[in-house]
Amino acid sequence: MNSICAVKGVSAAGIKEGKFGLALIKAKGTAVAVFTKNLLVAAPVILMRERMNNGYLDGIIVNSGNANVYTGTQGLADAKKMCEIAALAFNTAPERVGVASTGVIGRFMHIDIIENQCKRIAPEIAGDEKAEENAAKAIMTTDLFPKSAICKKPGFTVAGIAKGSGMIAPNMGTMLAFIYTDAELSKEELQKALTVATERSFNRVVVDGDTSTNDCAFLTATGLCGKADFKEFCEALEEVCISLAKQIAEDGEGASKFIEVSVVNAPSEKDAADVAKTVVGSPLVKTAVYGEDPNWGRFIAAAGRAGVLFDPNHASVSISDGDETVVLASRGEILADDKKYPSALAKAKSMMQGKKIKIIIDLDCGSESALAWGCDLTEKYVEINGKYTT
């Protein structure tokens, strides 16, 4: 198994029927979560912000096809009803069930569909590879592929599944993640680890600049493998979250190219992250990458509006395809120009034809670094979102 069911104490089931999907993930343990920072939030987020104070879950129910947002008291009642439905499948109390939704905003839930699907898949809950794959597929909306990640350490495992393709911006972003470990950790340790890992992964992905109403990431520790070194656990958790974040970026709606932005020698990690997120989120950068245009002026211009103080005349810009790197400008000196340096510019153009582009910006004003991930912006993105409900 290469995902959540490799974690001791985790079993799952899932079903996808047209646009409607449902996943059940059963795992008893200490649990924490992080949620969207959008002012408008889904009913499941409202409910779980309150219930996660208990710090324990026996399982999670997730539906796709309807986000249950802007649905008022009916939406909150439906979120609670989903917990009640899943509680029967998990043989527990509704208050010990996590709930998440993804899909169209501003539509009332089809609770009858959810209840029917839950009854049918509850007997299929299992701890095998097929079960985890079904769960990962069930939560997809415009995603082109299911997303999963795993990190095995001596003595414990961390694994997760996620969904996300569009409405992706820093502050999480529509993305859902469900992460599990069989290490034993306290609620406080789990919350600290998840908050940091989220900041260094999900909060550094930009597909389109929109922050979802439903974003959440749950972390549950079954504790069945005993206590783990906290630092080692944090490293494993971060590895899983970054893998999921990169898969979300790669699967951006309509995307044809994956972009990684690396900012180095910044005053602080936050400064580096702010610059990286601004560059990868720039529509002009995204369209340049789509057009295979090494317009590095757009890269440094975007960096300049990130709110981080640096001297542009000391900054350098490069691009890489993972094997080779071309320096486009070094400390204010242009090194890729159609008149003065045509060979460097030609090499840069050739690199832009690849499926994965890395942009490197050296601020030369510190020693901290950060990464951010995204994708290009294509006509397909407009087509997908221009007809999302019709």
Protein backbone atom coordinates (compact mmCIF):
# COMPACT_ATOMS: atom_id res chain seq x y z
CA MET A 1 0.00 0.00 0.00
CA ASN A 2 1.25 3.48 -0.79
CA SER A 3 -1.17 5.70 1.10
CA ILE A 4 -3.36 6.04 4.19
CA CYS A 5 -4.18 2.35 4.67
CA ALA A 6 -0.47 1.67 5.19
CA VAL A 7 -0.92 3.48 8.52
CA LYS A 8 -1.88 1.08 11.30
CA GLY A 9 -5.49 1.54 12.36
CA VAL A 10 -6.70 3.21 9.15
CA SER A 11 -9.33 1.75 6.81
CA ALA A 12 -11.42 3.39 4.10
CA ALA A 13 -14.04 3.13 1.39
CA GLY A 14 -15.20 5.35 -1.43
CA ILE A 15 -17.60 5.70 -4.32
CA LYS A 16 -17.85 8.12 -7.25
CA GLU A 17 -21.07 8.34 -9.29
CA GLY A 18 -21.01 11.15 -11.82
CA LYS A 19 -20.30 14.38 -9.97
CA PHE A 20 -21.35 12.89 -6.61
CA GLY A 21 -18.75 11.08 -4.54
CA LEU A 22 -18.42 9.92 -0.96
CA ALA A 23 -15.44 8.73 1.07
CA LEU A 24 -15.36 7.16 4.52
CA ILE A 25 -12.07 7.01 6.42
CA LYS A 26 -12.11 5.12 9.70
CA ALA A 27 -9.31 5.82 12.18
CA LYS A 28 -9.54 6.24 15.94
CA GLY A 29 -7.08 8.67 17.46
CA THR A 30 -5.95 12.10 18.54
CA ALA A 31 -6.88 14.56 15.80
CA VAL A 32 -6.30 18.19 14.81
CA ALA A 33 -7.09 20.33 11.78
CA VAL A 34 -6.42 23.60 9.99
CA PHE A 35 -9.03 25.45 7.95
CA THR A 36 -9.50 28.06 5.24
CA LYS A 37 -8.95 31.72 6.05
CA ASN A 38 -11.75 32.85 3.77
CA LEU A 39 -14.42 34.93 5.54
CA LEU A 40 -17.11 32.89 3.80
CA VAL A 41 -16.78 29.31 5.00
CA ALA A 42 -18.62 26.07 4.38
CA ALA A 43 -21.03 24.60 6.91
CA PRO A 44 -18.68 21.64 7.58
CA VAL A 45 -15.89 24.10 8.41
CA ILE A 46 -18.13 25.97 10.86
CA LEU A 47 -19.06 22.70 12.54
CA MET A 48 -15.55 21.25 12.66
CA ARG A 49 -13.89 24.41 13.97
CA GLU A 50 -16.03 23.85 17.06
CA ARG A 51 -15.85 20.07 17.34
CA MET A 52 -12.12 19.71 16.71
CA ASN A 53 -11.53 21.29 20.12
CA ASN A 54 -12.26 17.80 21.46
CA GLY A 55 -9.04 16.61 19.85
CA TYR A 56 -10.26 13.14 18.93
CA LEU A 57 -11.90 11.48 15.92
CA ASP A 58 -13.10 7.99 15.10
CA GLY A 59 -13.47 8.70 11.41
CA ILE A 60 -14.18 11.23 8.65
CA ILE A 61 -16.90 11.48 5.99
CA VAL A 62 -16.23 13.51 2.84
CA ASN A 63 -18.54 14.27 -0.07
CA SER A 64 -17.81 15.73 -3.49
CA GLY A 65 -20.25 17.45 -5.83
CA ASN A 66 -21.64 19.98 -3.36
CA ALA A 67 -19.61 22.34 -1.17
CA ASN A 68 -22.46 23.12 1.28
CA VAL A 69 -21.56 26.82 1.37
CA TYR A 70 -23.86 29.82 1.83
CA THR A 71 -26.64 27.42 2.78
CA GLY A 72 -27.52 28.89 6.21
CA THR A 73 -29.09 26.88 8.98
CA GLN A 74 -30.08 24.14 6.53
CA GLY A 75 -26.45 23.69 5.53
CA LEU A 76 -25.32 23.35 9.13
CA ALA A 77 -28.07 20.84 9.81
CA ASP A 78 -26.95 18.88 6.74
CA ALA A 79 -23.33 18.83 7.95
CA LYS A 80 -24.48 17.48 11.30
CA LYS A 81 -26.66 14.93 9.51
CA MET A 82 -23.62 13.72 7.56
CA CYS A 83 -21.85 13.08 10.88
CA GLU A 84 -24.86 11.12 12.10
CA ILE A 85 -24.92 9.04 8.92
CA ALA A 86 -21.21 8.24 9.19
CA ALA A 87 -21.43 7.53 12.92
CA LEU A 88 -23.60 4.53 12.14
CA ALA A 89 -20.97 3.24 9.72
CA PHE A 90 -18.15 3.81 12.22
CA ASN A 91 -20.18 2.60 15.22
CA THR A 92 -19.46 5.75 17.20
CA ALA A 93 -21.04 9.05 18.29
CA PRO A 94 -21.64 11.80 15.68
CA GLU A 95 -19.50 14.20 17.72
CA ARG A 96 -16.48 11.95 17.04
CA VAL A 97 -16.88 12.14 13.26
CA GLY A 98 -15.13 14.67 11.04
CA VAL A 99 -16.93 16.06 7.99
CA ALA A 100 -15.77 17.85 4.84
CA SER A 101 -17.40 18.81 1.55
CA THR A 102 -16.26 20.02 -1.87
CA GLY A 103 -18.07 21.03 -5.03
CA VAL A 104 -20.47 23.76 -6.13
CA ILE A 105 -21.02 26.74 -3.81
CA GLY A 106 -24.54 27.98 -3.07
CA ARG A 107 -26.52 24.78 -3.55
CA PHE A 108 -28.37 22.76 -0.93
CA MET A 109 -27.08 19.28 -0.16
CA HIS A 110 -28.59 16.06 -1.53
CA ILE A 111 -28.55 14.27 1.82
CA ASP A 112 -30.56 11.41 0.36
CA ILE A 113 -27.71 10.67 -2.08
CA ILE A 114 -25.10 10.83 0.69
CA GLU A 115 -27.10 8.55 2.95
CA ASN A 116 -27.65 6.05 0.15
CA GLN A 117 -23.98 6.02 -0.85
CA CYS A 118 -22.85 5.67 2.76
CA LYS A 119 -25.09 2.67 3.37
CA ARG A 120 -23.72 0.98 0.27
CA ILE A 121 -20.01 1.53 0.94
CA ALA A 122 -19.96 1.14 4.74
CA PRO A 123 -19.73 -2.68 4.47
CA GLU A 124 -16.76 -2.22 2.10
CA ILE A 125 -14.56 -0.33 4.58
CA ALA A 126 -11.18 -2.05 4.43
CA GLY A 127 -7.50 -1.46 5.05
CA ASP A 128 -6.17 -2.27 1.60
CA GLU A 129 -4.84 -0.49 -1.47
CA LYS A 130 -8.14 -0.62 -3.36
CA ALA A 131 -9.97 0.98 -0.46
CA GLU A 132 -7.56 3.91 -0.17
CA GLU A 133 -7.66 4.40 -3.95
CA ASN A 134 -11.46 4.47 -3.95
CA ALA A 135 -11.45 7.06 -1.16
CA ALA A 136 -8.96 9.28 -2.99
CA LYS A 137 -11.01 9.11 -6.20
CA ALA A 138 -14.30 9.76 -4.41
CA ILE A 139 -13.26 13.23 -3.23
CA MET A 140 -12.15 14.46 -6.67
CA THR A 141 -14.06 17.22 -8.49
CA THR A 142 -12.18 18.74 -11.45
CA ASP A 143 -9.05 16.83 -10.45
CA LEU A 144 -7.57 14.74 -13.24
CA PHE A 145 -5.91 12.24 -10.91
CA PRO A 146 -6.14 11.12 -7.26
CA LYS A 147 -3.45 12.46 -4.93
CA SER A 148 -1.68 10.46 -2.24
CA ALA A 149 1.64 10.47 -0.44
CA ILE A 150 3.46 8.38 2.14
CA CYS A 151 6.60 8.59 4.24
CA LYS A 152 7.77 5.50 6.11
CA LYS A 153 10.19 5.97 8.99
CA PRO A 154 11.67 3.35 11.32
CA GLY A 155 8.91 2.92 13.86
CA PHE A 156 6.07 4.88 12.28
CA THR A 157 4.37 5.94 9.05
CA VAL A 158 2.77 9.18 7.83
CA ALA A 159 0.45 9.15 4.81
CA GLY A 160 -2.27 11.25 3.28
CA ILE A 161 -4.72 11.78 0.46
CA ALA A 162 -5.86 15.11 -0.94
CA LYS A 163 -7.99 16.74 -3.59
CA GLY A 164 -7.40 20.05 -5.29
CA SER A 165 -7.22 21.46 -8.78
CA GLY A 166 -8.82 24.88 -8.94
CA MET A 167 -9.66 27.71 -6.53
CA ILE A 168 -6.15 27.27 -5.17
CA ALA A 169 -4.26 30.09 -3.50
CA PRO A 170 -2.16 30.67 -0.39
CA ASN A 171 -4.19 30.29 2.83
CA MET A 172 -4.80 26.78 1.59
CA GLY A 173 -6.50 26.43 -1.33
CA THR A 174 -10.42 24.17 -3.09
CA MET A 175 -8.30 21.65 -1.34
CA LEU A 176 -8.98 18.97 1.21
CA ALA A 177 -6.30 16.82 2.85
CA PHE A 178 -6.64 13.85 5.19
CA ILE A 179 -3.39 12.78 6.82
CA TYR A 180 -2.74 9.89 9.18
CA THR A 181 0.07 8.54 11.31
CA ASP A 182 0.45 5.57 13.61
CA ALA A 183 2.90 7.50 15.80
CA GLU A 184 1.71 8.52 19.26
CA LEU A 185 1.71 12.29 19.80
CA SER A 186 -0.24 14.75 21.91
CA LYS A 187 -2.88 17.08 20.50
CA GLU A 188 -0.56 20.02 21.08
CA GLU A 189 2.31 18.36 19.23
CA LEU A 190 0.07 17.41 16.31
CA GLN A 191 -1.38 20.93 16.02
CA LYS A 192 2.05 22.54 16.07
CA ALA A 193 3.40 20.11 13.48
CA LEU A 194 0.39 20.47 11.16
CA THR A 195 0.39 24.27 11.33
CA VAL A 196 4.06 24.50 10.34
CA ALA A 197 3.78 21.81 7.65
CA THR A 198 0.72 23.51 6.15
CA GLU A 199 2.53 26.85 5.99
CA ARG A 200 5.44 25.21 4.14
CA SER A 201 3.28 23.22 1.73
CA PHE A 202 -0.42 23.86 1.10
CA ASN A 203 -0.07 27.58 1.82
CA ARG A 204 2.55 27.89 -0.92
CA VAL A 205 0.48 26.58 -3.81
CA VAL A 206 -1.10 29.03 -6.26
CA VAL A 207 -3.18 27.84 -9.21
CA ASP A 208 -5.53 30.76 -9.76
CA GLY A 209 -5.34 33.13 -6.79
CA ASP A 210 -8.77 32.24 -5.32
CA THR A 211 -8.99 31.04 -1.73
CA SER A 212 -11.63 28.36 -1.22
CA THR A 213 -14.45 28.37 1.28
CA ASN A 214 -13.96 24.70 2.19
CA ASP A 215 -10.24 24.15 2.63
CA CYS A 216 -9.26 21.89 5.47
CA ALA A 217 -6.49 19.52 6.41
CA PHE A 218 -7.08 16.90 9.09
CA LEU A 219 -4.31 15.02 10.89
CA THR A 220 -5.16 11.94 12.96
CA ALA A 221 -2.70 9.90 15.02
CA THR A 222 -3.80 6.36 15.84
CA GLY A 223 -0.79 5.94 18.14
CA LEU A 224 -0.58 2.20 17.42
CA CYS A 225 3.21 2.30 16.87
CA GLY A 226 4.01 4.18 20.08
CA LYS A 227 5.79 7.45 20.69
CA ALA A 228 7.94 9.00 17.97
CA ASP A 229 10.69 11.58 17.98
CA PHE A 230 8.87 14.88 17.41
CA LYS A 231 11.48 16.35 15.06
CA GLU A 232 11.53 13.20 12.95
CA PHE A 233 7.74 13.16 12.83
CA CYS A 234 7.64 16.81 11.72
CA GLU A 235 10.06 16.05 8.89
CA ALA A 236 7.93 13.12 7.73
CA LEU A 237 4.72 15.13 7.94
CA GLU A 238 6.26 17.99 5.97
CA GLU A 239 7.45 15.58 3.29
CA VAL A 240 3.94 14.18 2.88
CA CYS A 241 2.30 17.63 2.81
CA ILE A 242 4.78 19.00 0.27
CA SER A 243 4.24 15.98 -1.97
CA LEU A 244 0.47 16.49 -1.85
CA ALA A 245 0.86 20.24 -2.45
CA LYS A 246 3.03 19.67 -5.53
CA GLN A 247 0.52 17.17 -6.90
CA ILE A 248 -2.23 19.78 -6.47
CA ALA A 249 -0.15 22.34 -8.36
CA GLU A 250 0.63 19.88 -11.12
CA ASP A 251 -3.09 19.11 -11.50
CA GLY A 252 -4.17 22.75 -11.72
CA GLU A 253 -7.31 23.25 -13.79
CA GLY A 254 -6.37 23.39 -17.46
CA ALA A 255 -2.67 23.32 -16.64
CA SER A 256 -0.06 22.20 -19.15
CA LYS A 257 3.05 23.03 -17.13
CA PHE A 258 4.16 22.76 -13.50
CA ILE A 259 6.01 25.72 -12.00
CA GLU A 260 8.30 25.75 -8.98
CA VAL A 261 9.64 29.06 -7.69
CA SER A 262 12.70 29.01 -5.46
CA VAL A 263 13.65 32.19 -3.62
CA VAL A 264 17.04 32.15 -1.93
CA ASN A 265 19.15 34.50 0.19
CA ALA A 266 16.15 36.36 1.60
CA PRO A 267 16.03 38.20 4.97
CA SER A 268 13.63 35.60 6.44
CA GLU A 269 11.77 32.44 5.45
CA LYS A 270 8.52 34.45 5.43
CA ASP A 271 10.04 37.02 3.07
CA ALA A 272 11.27 34.28 0.77
CA ALA A 273 7.84 32.61 0.83
CA ASP A 274 6.04 35.91 0.14
CA VAL A 275 8.18 36.53 -2.94
CA ALA A 276 7.86 32.94 -4.17
CA LYS A 277 4.06 32.95 -3.79
CA THR A 278 3.74 36.32 -5.53
CA VAL A 279 5.81 35.18 -8.51
CA VAL A 280 4.10 31.81 -8.93
CA GLY A 281 0.69 33.46 -8.55
CA SER A 282 1.26 36.21 -11.10
CA PRO A 283 -1.09 35.87 -14.10
CA LEU A 284 1.61 37.41 -16.31
CA VAL A 285 4.17 34.85 -15.13
CA LYS A 286 1.68 32.03 -15.60
CA THR A 287 0.77 33.10 -19.13
CA ALA A 288 4.43 33.57 -20.05
CA VAL A 289 5.14 30.00 -18.95
CA TYR A 290 2.15 28.77 -20.93
CA GLY A 291 3.45 30.63 -24.02
CA GLU A 292 6.94 29.19 -23.44
CA ASP A 293 8.26 32.74 -23.29
CA PRO A 294 11.34 33.25 -21.04
CA ASN A 295 10.14 36.73 -20.14
CA TRP A 296 12.17 36.95 -16.96
CA GLY A 297 11.28 40.62 -16.62
CA ARG A 298 7.86 39.43 -15.46
CA PHE A 299 9.51 37.22 -12.83
CA ILE A 300 11.52 40.01 -11.22
CA ALA A 301 8.65 42.51 -11.59
CA ALA A 302 6.35 40.18 -9.65
CA ALA A 303 9.03 39.74 -6.98
CA GLY A 304 9.20 43.51 -6.63
CA ARG A 305 5.54 43.79 -5.61
CA ALA A 306 5.67 41.09 -2.95
CA GLY A 307 6.14 43.61 -0.15
CA VAL A 308 9.69 42.45 0.64
CA LEU A 309 12.50 44.98 0.70
CA PHE A 310 15.48 44.06 -1.50
CA ASP A 311 17.79 45.80 -3.96
CA PRO A 312 16.81 44.77 -7.52
CA ASN A 313 20.33 45.66 -8.67
CA HIS A 314 21.68 42.91 -6.38
CA ALA A 315 19.09 40.31 -7.35
CA SER A 316 19.60 37.47 -9.85
CA VAL A 317 17.08 35.47 -11.91
CA SER A 318 17.56 31.99 -13.37
CA ILE A 319 15.45 29.19 -14.82
CA SER A 320 16.05 25.47 -14.72
CA ASP A 321 14.57 22.32 -16.22
CA GLY A 322 15.91 20.21 -13.37
CA ASP A 323 19.10 19.24 -15.18
CA GLU A 324 20.53 22.52 -16.41
CA THR A 325 20.25 26.12 -15.24
CA VAL A 326 20.42 29.31 -17.25
CA VAL A 327 21.18 32.59 -15.49
CA LEU A 328 19.03 35.26 -17.10
CA ALA A 329 20.18 38.21 -15.02
CA SER A 330 22.89 38.43 -12.36
CA ARG A 331 23.03 41.23 -9.82
CA GLY A 332 21.30 43.62 -12.18
CA GLU A 333 23.28 42.60 -15.28
CA ILE A 334 21.26 41.13 -18.18
CA LEU A 335 22.70 37.80 -19.33
CA ALA A 336 19.91 36.69 -21.69
CA ASP A 337 19.20 39.17 -24.47
CA ASP A 338 18.32 38.65 -28.17
CA LYS A 339 21.00 41.15 -29.18
CA LYS A 340 23.85 40.75 -26.67
CA TYR A 341 23.39 37.19 -25.35
CA PRO A 342 21.31 35.32 -27.95
CA SER A 343 22.66 31.86 -27.05
CA ALA A 344 21.56 32.17 -23.41
CA LEU A 345 18.15 33.41 -24.49
CA ALA A 346 17.81 30.54 -26.97
CA LYS A 347 18.68 28.05 -24.23
CA ALA A 348 16.11 29.62 -21.95
CA LYS A 349 13.46 29.37 -24.68
CA SER A 350 14.28 25.70 -25.13
CA MET A 351 13.85 25.05 -21.39
CA MET A 352 10.45 26.74 -21.40
CA GLN A 353 9.17 24.00 -23.72
CA GLY A 354 9.40 21.43 -20.93
CA LYS A 355 6.54 20.32 -18.68
CA LYS A 356 8.28 21.42 -15.48
CA ILE A 357 9.84 24.87 -15.08
CA LYS A 358 11.83 26.08 -12.10
CA ILE A 359 12.31 29.81 -11.53
CA ILE A 360 15.11 30.78 -9.16
CA ILE A 361 15.34 34.26 -7.66
CA ASP A 362 18.35 35.20 -5.55
CA LEU A 363 17.58 38.32 -3.49
CA ASP A 364 21.14 38.59 -2.12
CA CYS A 365 19.98 40.17 1.14
CA GLY A 366 19.96 37.32 3.67
CA SER A 367 20.36 33.59 4.08
CA GLU A 368 16.78 32.21 4.17
CA SER A 369 14.92 30.42 1.39
CA ALA A 370 11.47 29.08 0.45
CA LEU A 371 9.67 27.25 -2.33
CA ALA A 372 6.24 27.79 -3.88
CA TRP A 373 4.41 25.79 -6.53
CA GLY A 374 1.87 26.48 -9.22
CA CYS A 375 1.02 25.99 -12.87
CA ASP A 376 0.53 27.91 -16.06
CA LEU A 377 -2.73 29.64 -17.00
CA THR A 378 -4.41 28.35 -20.14
CA GLU A 379 -7.58 28.75 -22.18
CA LYS A 380 -8.72 25.45 -20.70
CA TYR A 381 -8.91 27.02 -17.22
CA VAL A 382 -11.42 29.59 -18.53
CA GLU A 383 -13.41 26.87 -20.27
CA ILE A 384 -13.63 24.73 -17.11
CA ASN A 385 -14.65 27.56 -14.80
CA GLY A 386 -16.79 29.51 -17.25
CA LYS A 387 -19.25 26.60 -17.34
CA TYR A 388 -18.73 25.15 -13.86
CA THR A 389 -22.40 24.90 -12.88
CA THR A 390 -23.92 24.66 -16.36
